[in-house]
Structure formats: structure tokens, C-alpha cells
């Protein structure tokens, strides 16, 4: 059964200018001491994690726990890329309340950046779609959504900013609007690669970005294939899944089209993702590949 069908070389996405092999990173769901220890054992220092603004303001204990976890991760030598997501309940519909919401988020993000000056920030996740927030995607067109997001990034003070990766298709207005609106320096323009195979998806997305914005590198801040799809829908055995995962990681770690690639994710208690740690706590073969690189 053919699972990864590669596109012909001569397609509408000619190759971008090749880069050196990318640095490898990982997404973690929780920034616990266990997760930090696993990343260190895997020899991975670039770690992406989500900080929920909504919980910071609505949960009495969340901020204290996060401060302790971030301090431990940084002291352990991790290079954190923190996604800020969610909004306090008081804002209701994000698009309707966008002016007040964005002003409050800006002030909150500036406070966190002063608290953790070595962190790189990724304001919101996949903001071109309304799955997480419609504060930008509520715009009449995807191009306008990209422009609004770019203008918001321009208003932020932290030097280390990575754009949110679009969650929709490659072509279209959001990336065009974002790249046209950016006037500040960003650390990277992010893409997410869940197409099959992910390294070909990365080539297409990175090429599309590089032809519109050359002032920053491309980072793939999420890549993978759903374990649920591979095992549940395609009827792969656990061993076949492990082999495919090794192939995907090997190809992504050799890709010349991004400066960093972050696998999604270290672990997944629900067992549906592209996680490196199995449900029983053991490393999958791809984890050994990363540790031994």
C-alpha cells in the first residue's frame, strides 16, 4: 500500500534556495520536569509549548505553576518558543472585542517578555482559521486577516517573535497579507506541515513563503501525521507506524527548506498524535534516531 505519494519534481512550487540541515525541535503539551528531562535525554533544546492567556487570568493556580515550570526549563538549558493562545472569558466573541482584546493581550505579552527575556514568542496558533480564535480570521477576507495579524506583530515590543503558522492551504490571501504587512523584524515565518509526505509539504510551503518574504527564515513549528489516521484509518500495525515515523523524521531532519523543524509532539496521552514517547513511556524508534543524530 502506498501511503506517501510524492509529487512530480516539475510542479508549481519550484525549489527554494536550499539551506543547511535544520535544527530539530519538539512540541510538548506540558512543560513538566518529566518533559524537560525527556527533551534533554533526546538532545533536543528547541522546545515549543503553549501558554494559555485565558488560564493565566482565569485560573488561580496556573500562573504560579507556569512560572515554576518555565524557570526550571530555562535553567535546564532549553530554548523555549512559547505560543500564546486563548483569551479570558470576559471578551466573549474575539472578533467583536478585538480592539480591547488585542490591547490587553499586547500588555500581557509585554509583561511575560520582560519576565522571561530569553524566550521567543509566537502570538497565537494558526490564526487564519477560527479553530482557536477569530480575532483575525473574523475579517471579511483571508488577505485582510493576514494584514491585521501582520500589523499586530508590528505593534509588539519583544525582539524575538515568530509568526503564527497558517492552518489553511498554502496558496491564498493570509500569507500574502501577512508578508505584505510585516514591517518589523521577526525571528522566523512559521509553517505547519501535515501534508503527505511532510517533507514535501514543507518544500511547498517554504518555497511559497520565501518568494514573498526574504527577511527571516522559515521554521516548521509543527509537523507529523496523525497516529489515529495511520493506525485507525490505514490499518497500520504499531511496527509499520514506527517505521513510517522514522522515515518522516529522517526526511524532515535532512530537509533544506527550513532552519528549524519542530516535531508534534513529544508525547500524547490520547495516543492520536505523532508522538515520540509511546503510551507505556518507552521511546519509539524515531526518538532513538533523534537522540543519536
Foldseek 3Di string as FASTA:
>chain_A
DDDFDDDDQPDPQHFDDFAFFAQEAFEDADLDPVVLVLCVLLVHQEYEYEDEQQCCPPPPCRVVVVVVSVVVSVVSRHAYEYEYFYFHPVQPACQVSVVVRLVVVQVVVVVVCVVPVRHAYEYYAQQCDPPGHVNLVVDPFLLSSLLVQQVSVQPHDRLEYEYHAHPDDQDGRNLLNNLVNHPHQYQAYEHEAADRPRLSSLRRNLSSNCVRHVRYFYEHAEYFYWPCCVCVVVVDDPVVLLVVLLVSLVSSSRRRRGNYYYYYHCDDCVRTTSHQQDNVRHGRVNSVVSSVD
